[in-house]
Amino acid sequence: MSPEQKANLNPPDRETAKRLFAEHRTERDGIRDIPAMASVCLICGSVHVAPMAGNDKKRVCLDCGFAFYRYDCKACGTAIDGRDPANPICPTCHNPVCTCGACGCRE
């Protein structure tokens, strides 16, 4: 089981979630490397985040409705998080581009 899958099963506790929210609300560089961030909404701070029905690349906050990309790159296995500036959106396929350069254009 990948770290991302484990984070989905065990969201961070309330104190950890508050700390992560405070640390990364405005400074989002590197959140792709923190598995617990898959379960923290950066809009409202909630840990009630779940996979989006019908889209295995997106997660949605069940409290505020904010949706974001968060999945493992099929090319290299690295976590991709659409909230992280290192994973910009591809203008062609509209998926985040991994730090290895892969995106939905090449799947």
Protein backbone atom coordinates (compact mmCIF):
# COMPACT_ATOMS: atom_id res chain seq x y z
CA MET A 1 0.00 0.00 0.00
CA SER A 2 1.41 3.40 -0.99
CA PRO A 3 1.78 6.26 1.53
CA GLU A 4 -1.09 8.03 -0.26
CA GLN A 5 -3.40 5.04 0.25
CA LYS A 6 -2.42 4.82 3.93
CA ALA A 7 -3.15 8.54 4.39
CA ASN A 8 -6.60 8.00 2.90
CA LEU A 9 -7.35 5.34 5.52
CA ASN A 10 -5.90 7.28 8.46
CA PRO A 11 -6.44 11.03 8.25
CA PRO A 12 -4.34 13.11 10.64
CA ASP A 13 -5.63 13.83 14.14
CA ARG A 14 -7.16 17.25 14.84
CA GLU A 15 -3.96 18.84 16.21
CA THR A 16 -1.82 17.56 13.35
CA ALA A 17 -4.40 18.75 10.82
CA LYS A 18 -4.47 22.22 12.42
CA ARG A 19 -0.68 22.41 12.31
CA LEU A 20 -0.52 21.27 8.66
CA PHE A 21 -3.27 23.73 7.71
CA ALA A 22 -1.45 26.61 9.43
CA GLU A 23 1.90 25.68 7.87
CA HIS A 24 0.66 25.14 4.32
CA ARG A 25 -2.39 27.37 3.91
CA THR A 26 -0.36 30.06 2.16
CA GLU A 27 2.96 28.25 1.57
CA ARG A 28 2.08 25.27 -0.58
CA ASP A 29 5.50 24.30 -1.90
CA GLY A 30 6.22 20.65 -1.15
CA ILE A 31 2.78 19.55 0.04
CA ARG A 32 2.90 16.80 -2.56
CA ASP A 33 5.61 15.18 -0.40
CA ILE A 34 3.45 15.06 2.76
CA PRO A 35 1.03 12.09 2.59
CA ALA A 36 -1.21 13.50 5.35
CA MET A 37 -1.99 16.51 3.16
CA ALA A 38 -4.18 14.25 1.02
CA SER A 39 -6.69 14.47 3.89
CA VAL A 40 -6.44 18.17 4.76
CA CYS A 41 -8.53 20.81 2.98
CA LEU A 42 -6.53 24.01 2.49
CA ILE A 43 -9.71 26.07 2.20
CA CYS A 44 -11.47 25.25 5.48
CA GLY A 45 -8.95 23.04 7.36
CA SER A 46 -11.25 20.02 7.47
CA VAL A 47 -9.99 16.43 7.48
CA HIS A 48 -13.29 15.25 6.00
CA VAL A 49 -11.73 14.75 2.58
CA ALA A 50 -12.60 11.77 0.38
CA PRO A 51 -11.96 10.51 -3.14
CA MET A 52 -14.27 12.18 -5.64
CA ALA A 53 -16.89 9.85 -7.08
CA GLY A 54 -16.18 9.18 -10.75
CA ASN A 55 -12.69 10.75 -10.74
CA ASP A 56 -9.88 8.73 -9.17
CA LYS A 57 -7.44 11.65 -9.54
CA LYS A 58 -9.43 14.09 -7.42
CA ARG A 59 -10.35 14.44 -3.77
CA VAL A 60 -13.16 16.57 -2.38
CA CYS A 61 -13.72 18.22 1.00
CA LEU A 62 -17.03 17.00 2.36
CA ASP A 63 -17.41 20.17 4.46
CA CYS A 64 -16.80 23.00 1.96
CA GLY A 65 -16.89 21.17 -1.40
CA PHE A 66 -13.39 22.21 -2.52
CA ALA A 67 -11.98 19.63 -4.96
CA PHE A 68 -8.33 19.13 -5.80
CA TYR A 69 -6.07 16.74 -7.68
CA ARG A 70 -4.12 14.29 -5.52
CA TYR A 71 -2.83 11.00 -6.93
CA ASP A 72 0.34 9.05 -7.67
CA CYS A 73 2.07 9.64 -11.02
CA LYS A 74 1.73 6.62 -13.29
CA ALA A 75 5.16 7.30 -14.79
CA CYS A 76 7.30 7.60 -11.65
CA GLY A 77 5.05 6.92 -8.63
CA THR A 78 5.59 10.35 -7.05
CA ALA A 79 2.59 12.04 -5.42
CA ILE A 80 0.96 14.78 -7.49
CA ASP A 81 -1.01 17.49 -5.72
CA GLY A 82 -2.74 20.14 -7.79
CA ARG A 83 -2.42 22.59 -4.88
CA ASP A 84 1.39 22.41 -5.01
CA PRO A 85 3.04 24.97 -7.34
CA ALA A 86 5.48 22.26 -8.50
CA ASN A 87 2.52 20.49 -10.14
CA PRO A 88 1.12 23.10 -12.56
CA ILE A 89 -1.89 22.30 -14.73
CA CYS A 90 -1.13 21.12 -18.28
CA PRO A 91 -2.80 23.47 -20.79
CA THR A 92 -3.56 20.53 -23.12
CA CYS A 93 -4.98 17.74 -20.92
CA HIS A 94 -5.83 19.89 -17.85
CA ASN A 95 -4.18 17.43 -15.44
CA PRO A 96 -1.36 18.49 -13.12
CA VAL A 97 2.13 17.93 -14.48
CA CYS A 98 4.34 15.74 -12.29
CA THR A 99 7.81 16.89 -11.31
CA CYS A 100 9.08 14.17 -13.70
CA GLY A 101 7.25 15.93 -16.56
CA ALA A 102 4.44 13.40 -17.07
CA CYS A 103 0.81 14.44 -17.34
CA GLY A 104 -2.44 13.11 -18.83
CA CYS A 105 -1.21 13.76 -22.37
CA ARG A 106 1.05 10.73 -22.15
CA GLU A 107 -1.23 8.23 -20.41
